[in-house]
Amino acid sequence: AVTVAAAQTLPEDAPHRPLLVFVAFAVATLSLLVQGGTVGPLVKILFR
């Protein structure tokens, strides 16, 4: 959420602002879904 919130503090005159906000949102969402969704199985494999 910090990434999403910080992106929304970009000034309105920032170049490509909607794109920058969406990229930050997508990075945070992908991180949560990909890393967060696999870290549990990864830990089980590493420490089995």
All heavy atoms as atom14 arrays in JSON, in Angstrom:
{
  "sequence": "AVTVAAAQTLPEDAPHRPLLVFVAFAVATLSLLVQGGTVGPLVKILFR",
  "atom14_mask": [
    [1, 1, 1, 1, 1, 0, 0, 0, 0, 0, 0, 0, 0, 0],
    [1, 1, 1, 1, 1, 1, 1, 0, 0, 0, 0, 0, 0, 0],
    [1, 1, 1, 1, 1, 1, 1, 0, 0, 0, 0, 0, 0, 0],
    [1, 1, 1, 1, 1, 1, 1, 0, 0, 0, 0, 0, 0, 0],
    [1, 1, 1, 1, 1, 0, 0, 0, 0, 0, 0, 0, 0, 0],
    [1, 1, 1, 1, 1, 0, 0, 0, 0, 0, 0, 0, 0, 0],
    [1, 1, 1, 1, 1, 0, 0, 0, 0, 0, 0, 0, 0, 0],
    [1, 1, 1, 1, 1, 1, 1, 1, 1, 0, 0, 0, 0, 0],
    [1, 1, 1, 1, 1, 1, 1, 0, 0, 0, 0, 0, 0, 0],
    [1, 1, 1, 1, 1, 1, 1, 1, 0, 0, 0, 0, 0, 0],
    [1, 1, 1, 1, 1, 1, 1, 0, 0, 0, 0, 0, 0, 0],
    [1, 1, 1, 1, 1, 1, 1, 1, 1, 0, 0, 0, 0, 0],
    [1, 1, 1, 1, 1, 1, 1, 1, 0, 0, 0, 0, 0, 0],
    [1, 1, 1, 1, 1, 0, 0, 0, 0, 0, 0, 0, 0, 0],
    [1, 1, 1, 1, 1, 1, 1, 0, 0, 0, 0, 0, 0, 0],
    [1, 1, 1, 1, 1, 1, 1, 1, 1, 1, 0, 0, 0, 0],
    [1, 1, 1, 1, 1, 1, 1, 1, 1, 1, 1, 0, 0, 0],
    [1, 1, 1, 1, 1, 1, 1, 0, 0, 0, 0, 0, 0, 0],
    [1, 1, 1, 1, 1, 1, 1, 1, 0, 0, 0, 0, 0, 0],
    [1, 1, 1, 1, 1, 1, 1, 1, 0, 0, 0, 0, 0, 0],
    [1, 1, 1, 1, 1, 1, 1, 0, 0, 0, 0, 0, 0, 0],
    [1, 1, 1, 1, 1, 1, 1, 1, 1, 1, 1, 0, 0, 0],
    [1, 1, 1, 1, 1, 1, 1, 0, 0, 0, 0, 0, 0, 0],
    [1, 1, 1, 1, 1, 0, 0, 0, 0, 0, 0, 0, 0, 0],
    [1, 1, 1, 1, 1, 1, 1, 1, 1, 1, 1, 0, 0, 0],
    [1, 1, 1, 1, 1, 0, 0, 0, 0, 0, 0, 0, 0, 0],
    [1, 1, 1, 1, 1, 1, 1, 0, 0, 0, 0, 0, 0, 0],
    [1, 1, 1, 1, 1, 0, 0, 0, 0, 0, 0, 0, 0, 0],
    [1, 1, 1, 1, 1, 1, 1, 0, 0, 0, 0, 0, 0, 0],
    [1, 1, 1, 1, 1, 1, 1, 1, 0, 0, 0, 0, 0, 0],
    [1, 1, 1, 1, 1, 1, 0, 0, 0, 0, 0, 0, 0, 0],
    [1, 1, 1, 1, 1, 1, 1, 1, 0, 0, 0, 0, 0, 0],
    [1, 1, 1, 1, 1, 1, 1, 1, 0, 0, 0, 0, 0, 0],
    [1, 1, 1, 1, 1, 1, 1, 0, 0, 0, 0, 0, 0, 0],
    [1, 1, 1, 1, 1, 1, 1, 1, 1, 0, 0, 0, 0, 0],
    [1, 1, 1, 1, 0, 0, 0, 0, 0, 0, 0, 0, 0, 0],
    [1, 1, 1, 1, 0, 0, 0, 0, 0, 0, 0, 0, 0, 0],
    [1, 1, 1, 1, 1, 1, 1, 0, 0, 0, 0, 0, 0, 0],
    [1, 1, 1, 1, 1, 1, 1, 0, 0, 0, 0, 0, 0, 0],
    [1, 1, 1, 1, 0, 0, 0, 0, 0, 0, 0, 0, 0, 0],
    [1, 1, 1, 1, 1, 1, 1, 0, 0, 0, 0, 0, 0, 0],
    [1, 1, 1, 1, 1, 1, 1, 1, 0, 0, 0, 0, 0, 0],
    [1, 1, 1, 1, 1, 1, 1, 0, 0, 0, 0, 0, 0, 0],
    [1, 1, 1, 1, 1, 1, 1, 1, 1, 0, 0, 0, 0, 0],
    [1, 1, 1, 1, 1, 1, 1, 1, 0, 0, 0, 0, 0, 0],
    [1, 1, 1, 1, 1, 1, 1, 1, 0, 0, 0, 0, 0, 0],
    [1, 1, 1, 1, 1, 1, 1, 1, 1, 1, 1, 0, 0, 0],
    [1, 1, 1, 1, 1, 1, 1, 1, 1, 1, 1, 0, 0, 0]
  ],
  "atom14_positions": [
    [[0.81, -1.22, 0.0], [0.0, 0.0, 0.0], [0.84, 1.27, 0.0], [0.41, 2.3, -0.53], [-0.93, -0.01, 1.21], [0.0, 0.0, 0.0], [0.0, 0.0, 0.0], [0.0, 0.0, 0.0], [0.0, 0.0, 0.0], [0.0, 0.0, 0.0], [0.0, 0.0, 0.0], [0.0, 0.0, 0.0], [0.0, 0.0, 0.0], [0.0, 0.0, 0.0]],
    [[2.03, 1.23, 0.61], [2.88, 2.43, 0.63], [3.23, 2.85, -0.79], [3.23, 4.04, -1.13], [4.16, 2.17, 1.44], [5.1, 3.35, 1.35], [3.82, 1.89, 2.89], [0.0, 0.0, 0.0], [0.0, 0.0, 0.0], [0.0, 0.0, 0.0], [0.0, 0.0, 0.0], [0.0, 0.0, 0.0], [0.0, 0.0, 0.0], [0.0, 0.0, 0.0]],
    [[3.52, 1.88, -1.64], [3.86, 2.18, -3.03], [2.68, 2.85, -3.74], [2.86, 3.86, -4.44], [4.25, 0.88, -3.76], [5.48, 0.4, -3.21], [4.42, 1.11, -5.24], [0.0, 0.0, 0.0], [0.0, 0.0, 0.0], [0.0, 0.0, 0.0], [0.0, 0.0, 0.0], [0.0, 0.0, 0.0], [0.0, 0.0, 0.0], [0.0, 0.0, 0.0]],
    [[1.48, 2.31, -3.55], [0.3, 2.9, -4.2], [0.03, 4.3, -3.67], [-0.25, 5.24, -4.44], [-0.93, 2.0, -3.97], [-2.18, 2.63, -4.56], [-0.69, 0.62, -4.6], [0.0, 0.0, 0.0], [0.0, 0.0, 0.0], [0.0, 0.0, 0.0], [0.0, 0.0, 0.0], [0.0, 0.0, 0.0], [0.0, 0.0, 0.0], [0.0, 0.0, 0.0]],
    [[0.11, 4.48, -2.36], [-0.16, 5.78, -1.75], [0.88, 6.81, -2.17], [0.54, 7.96, -2.5], [-0.2, 5.65, -0.23], [0.0, 0.0, 0.0], [0.0, 0.0, 0.0], [0.0, 0.0, 0.0], [0.0, 0.0, 0.0], [0.0, 0.0, 0.0], [0.0, 0.0, 0.0], [0.0, 0.0, 0.0], [0.0, 0.0, 0.0], [0.0, 0.0, 0.0]],
    [[2.15, 6.42, -2.16], [3.21, 7.37, -2.53], [3.07, 7.81, -3.98], [3.31, 8.98, -4.32], [4.57, 6.73, -2.3], [0.0, 0.0, 0.0], [0.0, 0.0, 0.0], [0.0, 0.0, 0.0], [0.0, 0.0, 0.0], [0.0, 0.0, 0.0], [0.0, 0.0, 0.0], [0.0, 0.0, 0.0], [0.0, 0.0, 0.0], [0.0, 0.0, 0.0]],
    [[2.65, 6.91, -4.85], [2.47, 7.26, -6.26], [1.41, 8.34, -6.44], [1.52, 9.21, -7.3], [2.11, 6.02, -7.07], [0.0, 0.0, 0.0], [0.0, 0.0, 0.0], [0.0, 0.0, 0.0], [0.0, 0.0, 0.0], [0.0, 0.0, 0.0], [0.0, 0.0, 0.0], [0.0, 0.0, 0.0], [0.0, 0.0, 0.0], [0.0, 0.0, 0.0]],
    [[0.38, 8.29, -5.6], [-0.7, 9.25, -5.72], [-0.32, 10.63, -5.2], [-1.1, 11.58, -5.36], [-1.93, 8.72, -5.0], [-2.52, 7.5, -5.69], [-3.62, 6.82, -4.9], [-3.67, 6.94, -3.68], [-4.49, 6.11, -5.58], [0.0, 0.0, 0.0], [0.0, 0.0, 0.0], [0.0, 0.0, 0.0], [0.0, 0.0, 0.0], [0.0, 0.0, 0.0]],
    [[0.85, 10.76, -4.57], [1.32, 12.08, -4.14], [2.11, 12.78, -5.24], [2.56, 13.91, -5.04], [2.21, 11.96, -2.88], [3.4, 11.22, -3.2], [1.47, 11.28, -1.76], [0.0, 0.0, 0.0], [0.0, 0.0, 0.0], [0.0, 0.0, 0.0], [0.0, 0.0, 0.0], [0.0, 0.0, 0.0], [0.0, 0.0, 0.0], [0.0, 0.0, 0.0]],
    [[2.32, 12.13, -6.39], [3.01, 12.79, -7.5], [2.22, 14.03, -7.93], [0.98, 13.99, -7.98], [3.15, 11.83, -8.68], [4.16, 10.69, -8.53], [3.99, 9.68, -9.66], [5.58, 11.24, -8.51], [0.0, 0.0, 0.0], [0.0, 0.0, 0.0], [0.0, 0.0, 0.0], [0.0, 0.0, 0.0], [0.0, 0.0, 0.0], [0.0, 0.0, 0.0]],
    [[2.9, 15.11, -8.25], [2.19, 16.33, -8.65], [1.41, 16.13, -9.95], [1.76, 15.27, -10.77], [3.32, 17.36, -8.83], [4.55, 16.56, -9.01], [4.36, 15.3, -8.23], [0.0, 0.0, 0.0], [0.0, 0.0, 0.0], [0.0, 0.0, 0.0], [0.0, 0.0, 0.0], [0.0, 0.0, 0.0], [0.0, 0.0, 0.0], [0.0, 0.0, 0.0]],
    [[0.35, 16.91, -10.11], [-0.51, 16.76, -11.29], [0.22, 17.03, -12.59], [-0.17, 16.53, -13.65], [-1.72, 17.7, -11.16], [-2.65, 17.35, -10.03], [-3.31, 15.99, -10.22], [-3.5, 15.58, -11.39], [-3.63, 15.34, -9.21], [0.0, 0.0, 0.0], [0.0, 0.0, 0.0], [0.0, 0.0, 0.0], [0.0, 0.0, 0.0], [0.0, 0.0, 0.0]],
    [[1.29, 17.87, -12.54], [2.01, 18.2, -13.77], [3.14, 17.23, -14.08], [3.94, 17.46, -14.99], [2.56, 19.63, -13.7], [3.52, 19.83, -12.53], [3.64, 18.91, -11.69], [4.16, 20.91, -12.47], [0.0, 0.0, 0.0], [0.0, 0.0, 0.0], [0.0, 0.0, 0.0], [0.0, 0.0, 0.0], [0.0, 0.0, 0.0], [0.0, 0.0, 0.0]],
    [[3.23, 16.13, -13.32], [4.26, 15.13, -13.59], [4.01, 14.51, -14.96], [2.86, 14.19, -15.3], [4.26, 14.06, -12.51], [0.0, 0.0, 0.0], [0.0, 0.0, 0.0], [0.0, 0.0, 0.0], [0.0, 0.0, 0.0], [0.0, 0.0, 0.0], [0.0, 0.0, 0.0], [0.0, 0.0, 0.0], [0.0, 0.0, 0.0], [0.0, 0.0, 0.0]],
    [[5.05, 14.31, -15.76], [4.84, 13.72, -17.09], [4.32, 12.28, -16.98], [4.8, 11.5, -16.15], [6.25, 13.75, -17.72], [7.18, 13.85, -16.57], [6.46, 14.62, -15.51], [0.0, 0.0, 0.0], [0.0, 0.0, 0.0], [0.0, 0.0, 0.0], [0.0, 0.0, 0.0], [0.0, 0.0, 0.0], [0.0, 0.0, 0.0], [0.0, 0.0, 0.0]],
    [[3.33, 11.98, -17.8], [2.73, 10.64, -17.82], [2.23, 10.21, -16.44], [2.33, 9.04, -16.07], [3.74, 9.59, -18.32], [4.39, 9.93, -19.62], [3.73, 9.84, -20.82], [5.65, 10.38, -19.9], [4.56, 10.19, -21.8], [5.72, 10.53, -21.27], [0.0, 0.0, 0.0], [0.0, 0.0, 0.0], [0.0, 0.0, 0.0], [0.0, 0.0, 0.0]],
    [[1.66, 11.15, -15.69], [1.28, 10.83, -14.3], [0.34, 9.62, -14.2], [0.57, 8.74, -13.36], [0.63, 12.05, -13.63], [0.33, 11.81, -12.15], [-0.37, 13.02, -11.52], [-0.52, 12.83, -10.09], [-1.5, 12.13, -9.52], [-2.42, 11.55, -10.28], [-1.56, 12.0, -8.2], [0.0, 0.0, 0.0], [0.0, 0.0, 0.0], [0.0, 0.0, 0.0]],
    [[-0.74, 9.54, -15.01], [-1.62, 8.35, -14.88], [-0.86, 7.04, -15.1], [-1.11, 6.05, -14.41], [-2.68, 8.57, -15.96], [-2.71, 10.06, -16.16], [-1.28, 10.49, -16.0], [0.0, 0.0, 0.0], [0.0, 0.0, 0.0], [0.0, 0.0, 0.0], [0.0, 0.0, 0.0], [0.0, 0.0, 0.0], [0.0, 0.0, 0.0], [0.0, 0.0, 0.0]],
    [[0.08, 7.06, -16.06], [0.86, 5.85, -16.31], [1.75, 5.53, -15.11], [1.87, 4.36, -14.71], [1.71, 6.03, -17.57], [2.71, 4.91, -17.88], [1.97, 3.6, -18.1], [3.58, 5.28, -19.09], [0.0, 0.0, 0.0], [0.0, 0.0, 0.0], [0.0, 0.0, 0.0], [0.0, 0.0, 0.0], [0.0, 0.0, 0.0], [0.0, 0.0, 0.0]],
    [[2.39, 6.53, -14.55], [3.28, 6.3, -13.41], [2.5, 5.73, -12.22], [2.97, 4.81, -11.53], [3.98, 7.6, -12.99], [4.82, 8.32, -14.05], [5.58, 9.49, -13.42], [5.79, 7.36, -14.71], [0.0, 0.0, 0.0], [0.0, 0.0, 0.0], [0.0, 0.0, 0.0], [0.0, 0.0, 0.0], [0.0, 0.0, 0.0], [0.0, 0.0, 0.0]],
    [[1.31, 6.28, -11.97], [0.5, 5.79, -10.86], [0.09, 4.34, -11.11], [0.14, 3.5, -10.2], [-0.75, 6.68, -10.66], [-1.67, 6.08, -9.6], [-0.32, 8.09, -10.25], [0.0, 0.0, 0.0], [0.0, 0.0, 0.0], [0.0, 0.0, 0.0], [0.0, 0.0, 0.0], [0.0, 0.0, 0.0], [0.0, 0.0, 0.0], [0.0, 0.0, 0.0]],
    [[-0.3, 4.04, -12.36], [-0.72, 2.66, -12.66], [0.46, 1.7, -12.55], [0.31, 0.57, -12.06], [-1.32, 2.57, -14.06], [-1.73, 1.16, -14.42], [-2.92, 0.63, -13.93], [-0.91, 0.36, -15.2], [-3.28, -0.68, -14.24], [-1.27, -0.95, -15.5], [-2.46, -1.46, -15.02], [0.0, 0.0, 0.0], [0.0, 0.0, 0.0], [0.0, 0.0, 0.0]],
    [[1.65, 2.1, -13.03], [2.83, 1.23, -12.93], [3.12, 0.91, -11.47], [3.4, -0.25, -11.11], [4.05, 1.88, -13.61], [5.34, 1.14, -13.24], [3.86, 1.89, -15.12], [0.0, 0.0, 0.0], [0.0, 0.0, 0.0], [0.0, 0.0, 0.0], [0.0, 0.0, 0.0], [0.0, 0.0, 0.0], [0.0, 0.0, 0.0], [0.0, 0.0, 0.0]],
    [[3.05, 1.93, -10.6], [3.29, 1.69, -9.17], [2.23, 0.74, -8.61], [2.55, -0.19, -7.85], [3.25, 3.02, -8.42], [0.0, 0.0, 0.0], [0.0, 0.0, 0.0], [0.0, 0.0, 0.0], [0.0, 0.0, 0.0], [0.0, 0.0, 0.0], [0.0, 0.0, 0.0], [0.0, 0.0, 0.0], [0.0, 0.0, 0.0], [0.0, 0.0, 0.0]],
    [[0.97, 0.96, -8.99], [-0.11, 0.08, -8.55], [0.13, -1.35, -9.04], [-0.04, -2.33, -8.27], [-1.45, 0.61, -9.09], [-2.63, -0.26, -8.76], [-3.34, -0.08, -7.58], [-3.04, -1.26, -9.63], [-4.44, -0.89, -7.28], [-4.12, -2.07, -9.35], [-4.82, -1.89, -8.16], [0.0, 0.0, 0.0], [0.0, 0.0, 0.0], [0.0, 0.0, 0.0]],
    [[0.52, -1.5, -10.29], [0.74, -2.83, -10.86], [1.93, -3.52, -10.21], [1.89, -4.74, -9.97], [0.94, -2.72, -12.37], [0.0, 0.0, 0.0], [0.0, 0.0, 0.0], [0.0, 0.0, 0.0], [0.0, 0.0, 0.0], [0.0, 0.0, 0.0], [0.0, 0.0, 0.0], [0.0, 0.0, 0.0], [0.0, 0.0, 0.0], [0.0, 0.0, 0.0]],
    [[3.01, -2.77, -9.93], [4.16, -3.38, -9.25], [3.75, -3.91, -7.88], [4.1, -5.04, -7.5], [5.3, -2.34, -9.1], [6.37, -2.86, -8.14], [5.93, -2.02, -10.44], [0.0, 0.0, 0.0], [0.0, 0.0, 0.0], [0.0, 0.0, 0.0], [0.0, 0.0, 0.0], [0.0, 0.0, 0.0], [0.0, 0.0, 0.0], [0.0, 0.0, 0.0]],
    [[3.0, -3.1, -7.11], [2.57, -3.53, -5.78], [1.65, -4.74, -5.87], [1.79, -5.7, -5.1], [1.87, -2.37, -5.06], [0.0, 0.0, 0.0], [0.0, 0.0, 0.0], [0.0, 0.0, 0.0], [0.0, 0.0, 0.0], [0.0, 0.0, 0.0], [0.0, 0.0, 0.0], [0.0, 0.0, 0.0], [0.0, 0.0, 0.0], [0.0, 0.0, 0.0]],
    [[0.71, -4.71, -6.82], [-0.24, -5.82, -6.95], [0.47, -7.1, -7.4], [0.23, -8.18, -6.85], [-1.35, -5.46, -7.94], [-1.98, -4.24, -7.52], [-2.4, -6.55, -8.0], [0.0, 0.0, 0.0], [0.0, 0.0, 0.0], [0.0, 0.0, 0.0], [0.0, 0.0, 0.0], [0.0, 0.0, 0.0], [0.0, 0.0, 0.0], [0.0, 0.0, 0.0]],
    [[1.34, -6.99, -8.41], [2.09, -8.16, -8.86], [2.97, -8.71, -7.75], [3.1, -9.93, -7.59], [2.94, -7.79, -10.08], [2.2, -7.56, -11.39], [3.17, -7.02, -12.46], [1.57, -8.87, -11.89], [0.0, 0.0, 0.0], [0.0, 0.0, 0.0], [0.0, 0.0, 0.0], [0.0, 0.0, 0.0], [0.0, 0.0, 0.0], [0.0, 0.0, 0.0]],
    [[3.59, -7.82, -6.99], [4.46, -8.25, -5.89], [3.67, -9.05, -4.86], [4.1, -10.12, -4.42], [5.12, -7.04, -5.24], [5.9, -7.42, -4.13], [0.0, 0.0, 0.0], [0.0, 0.0, 0.0], [0.0, 0.0, 0.0], [0.0, 0.0, 0.0], [0.0, 0.0, 0.0], [0.0, 0.0, 0.0], [0.0, 0.0, 0.0], [0.0, 0.0, 0.0]],
    [[2.5, -8.52, -4.51], [1.68, -9.22, -3.51], [1.19, -10.57, -4.03], [1.25, -11.58, -3.32], [0.49, -8.36, -3.12], [0.76, -7.2, -2.16], [-0.47, -6.33, -2.02], [1.17, -7.74, -0.79], [0.0, 0.0, 0.0], [0.0, 0.0, 0.0], [0.0, 0.0, 0.0], [0.0, 0.0, 0.0], [0.0, 0.0, 0.0], [0.0, 0.0, 0.0]],
    [[0.72, -10.59, -5.29], [0.14, -11.82, -5.81], [1.21, -12.86, -6.15], [1.06, -14.05, -5.83], [-0.7, -11.51, -7.05], [-1.92, -10.61, -6.82], [-2.67, -10.39, -8.13], [-2.85, -11.21, -5.79], [0.0, 0.0, 0.0], [0.0, 0.0, 0.0], [0.0, 0.0, 0.0], [0.0, 0.0, 0.0], [0.0, 0.0, 0.0], [0.0, 0.0, 0.0]],
    [[2.3, -12.43, -6.79], [3.34, -13.37, -7.21], [4.22, -13.77, -6.03], [4.37, -14.96, -5.7], [4.2, -12.78, -8.35], [5.33, -13.72, -8.71], [3.33, -12.5, -9.57], [0.0, 0.0, 0.0], [0.0, 0.0, 0.0], [0.0, 0.0, 0.0], [0.0, 0.0, 0.0], [0.0, 0.0, 0.0], [0.0, 0.0, 0.0], [0.0, 0.0, 0.0]],
    [[4.83, -12.78, -5.36], [5.71, -13.1, -4.24], [4.91, -13.6, -3.03], [5.26, -14.61, -2.42], [6.53, -11.87, -3.84], [7.53, -11.42, -4.89], [8.18, -10.09, -4.52], [7.89, -9.06, -5.12], [9.04, -10.12, -3.53], [0.0, 0.0, 0.0], [0.0, 0.0, 0.0], [0.0, 0.0, 0.0], [0.0, 0.0, 0.0], [0.0, 0.0, 0.0]],
    [[3.84, -12.85, -2.71], [3.05, -13.25, -1.55], [2.36, -14.58, -1.73], [2.2, -15.34, -0.77], [0.0, 0.0, 0.0], [0.0, 0.0, 0.0], [0.0, 0.0, 0.0], [0.0, 0.0, 0.0], [0.0, 0.0, 0.0], [0.0, 0.0, 0.0], [0.0, 0.0, 0.0], [0.0, 0.0, 0.0], [0.0, 0.0, 0.0], [0.0, 0.0, 0.0]],
    [[1.96, -14.88, -2.97], [1.27, -16.14, -3.22], [2.18, -17.34, -3.27], [1.71, -18.48, -3.15], [0.0, 0.0, 0.0], [0.0, 0.0, 0.0], [0.0, 0.0, 0.0], [0.0, 0.0, 0.0], [0.0, 0.0, 0.0], [0.0, 0.0, 0.0], [0.0, 0.0, 0.0], [0.0, 0.0, 0.0], [0.0, 0.0, 0.0], [0.0, 0.0, 0.0]],
    [[3.49, -17.12, -3.44], [4.43, -18.24, -3.57], [5.41, -18.34, -2.41], [6.14, -19.34, -2.34], [5.23, -18.11, -4.88], [5.93, -16.85, -4.88], [4.32, -18.18, -6.08], [0.0, 0.0, 0.0], [0.0, 0.0, 0.0], [0.0, 0.0, 0.0], [0.0, 0.0, 0.0], [0.0, 0.0, 0.0], [0.0, 0.0, 0.0], [0.0, 0.0, 0.0]],
    [[5.48, -17.34, -1.54], [6.49, -17.38, -0.48], [6.24, -18.53, 0.49], [7.19, -19.13, 1.01], [6.55, -16.02, 0.26], [5.31, -15.79, 1.11], [7.81, -15.92, 1.1], [0.0, 0.0, 0.0], [0.0, 0.0, 0.0], [0.0, 0.0, 0.0], [0.0, 0.0, 0.0], [0.0, 0.0, 0.0], [0.0, 0.0, 0.0], [0.0, 0.0, 0.0]],
    [[4.96, -18.85, 0.75], [4.66, -19.96, 1.65], [5.17, -21.29, 1.11], [5.93, -22.0, 1.79], [0.0, 0.0, 0.0], [0.0, 0.0, 0.0], [0.0, 0.0, 0.0], [0.0, 0.0, 0.0], [0.0, 0.0, 0.0], [0.0, 0.0, 0.0], [0.0, 0.0, 0.0], [0.0, 0.0, 0.0], [0.0, 0.0, 0.0], [0.0, 0.0, 0.0]],
    [[4.78, -21.69, -0.13], [5.33, -22.92, -0.71], [6.86, -22.89, -0.83], [7.51, -23.92, -0.64], [4.67, -22.98, -2.09], [3.4, -22.2, -1.94], [3.72, -21.11, -0.97], [0.0, 0.0, 0.0], [0.0, 0.0, 0.0], [0.0, 0.0, 0.0], [0.0, 0.0, 0.0], [0.0, 0.0, 0.0], [0.0, 0.0, 0.0], [0.0, 0.0, 0.0]],
    [[7.42, -21.7, -1.13], [8.87, -21.59, -1.25], [9.55, -21.92, 0.08], [10.55, -22.64, 0.13], [9.25, -20.18, -1.71], [10.76, -19.88, -1.8], [11.41, -20.75, -2.87], [11.0, -18.4, -2.08], [0.0, 0.0, 0.0], [0.0, 0.0, 0.0], [0.0, 0.0, 0.0], [0.0, 0.0, 0.0], [0.0, 0.0, 0.0], [0.0, 0.0, 0.0]],
    [[9.01, -21.38, 1.17], [9.57, -21.65, 2.49], [9.49, -23.14, 2.81], [10.43, -23.73, 3.35], [8.83, -20.81, 3.56], [9.21, -21.27, 4.96], [9.16, -19.34, 3.39], [0.0, 0.0, 0.0], [0.0, 0.0, 0.0], [0.0, 0.0, 0.0], [0.0, 0.0, 0.0], [0.0, 0.0, 0.0], [0.0, 0.0, 0.0], [0.0, 0.0, 0.0]],
    [[8.36, -23.76, 2.48], [8.22, -25.2, 2.75], [9.25, -26.01, 1.98], [9.8, -27.0, 2.5], [6.81, -25.66, 2.39], [5.72, -25.12, 3.32], [4.35, -25.62, 2.9], [3.27, -25.07, 3.83], [1.91, -25.53, 3.42], [0.0, 0.0, 0.0], [0.0, 0.0, 0.0], [0.0, 0.0, 0.0], [0.0, 0.0, 0.0], [0.0, 0.0, 0.0]],
    [[9.52, -25.62, 0.73], [10.51, -26.34, -0.08], [11.92, -26.14, 0.48], [12.7, -27.08, 0.62], [10.44, -25.88, -1.55], [9.1, -26.29, -2.17], [11.61, -26.44, -2.35], [8.87, -25.72, -3.55], [0.0, 0.0, 0.0], [0.0, 0.0, 0.0], [0.0, 0.0, 0.0], [0.0, 0.0, 0.0], [0.0, 0.0, 0.0], [0.0, 0.0, 0.0]],
    [[12.24, -24.88, 0.81], [13.59, -24.57, 1.27], [13.92, -25.22, 2.61], [15.06, -25.64, 2.84], [13.77, -23.05, 1.37], [13.81, -22.27, 0.04], [13.87, -20.78, 0.32], [15.03, -22.69, -0.78], [0.0, 0.0, 0.0], [0.0, 0.0, 0.0], [0.0, 0.0, 0.0], [0.0, 0.0, 0.0], [0.0, 0.0, 0.0], [0.0, 0.0, 0.0]],
    [[12.92, -25.3, 3.48], [13.2, -25.76, 4.84], [12.53, -27.11, 5.14], [12.34, -27.45, 6.3], [12.73, -24.71, 5.85], [13.46, -23.39, 5.72], [12.88, -22.34, 5.03], [14.72, -23.23, 6.26], [13.54, -21.13, 4.88], [15.4, -22.02, 6.12], [14.82, -20.97, 5.43], [0.0, 0.0, 0.0], [0.0, 0.0, 0.0], [0.0, 0.0, 0.0]],
    [[12.21, -27.87, 4.1], [11.52, -29.14, 4.33], [12.41, -30.16, 5.02], [11.91, -31.06, 5.71], [11.01, -29.71, 3.01], [12.07, -30.13, 2.03], [11.45, -30.75, 0.77], [12.44, -31.19, -0.19], [12.99, -30.42, -1.11], [12.61, -29.14, -1.2], [13.89, -30.88, -1.95], [0.0, 0.0, 0.0], [0.0, 0.0, 0.0], [0.0, 0.0, 0.0]]
  ]
}
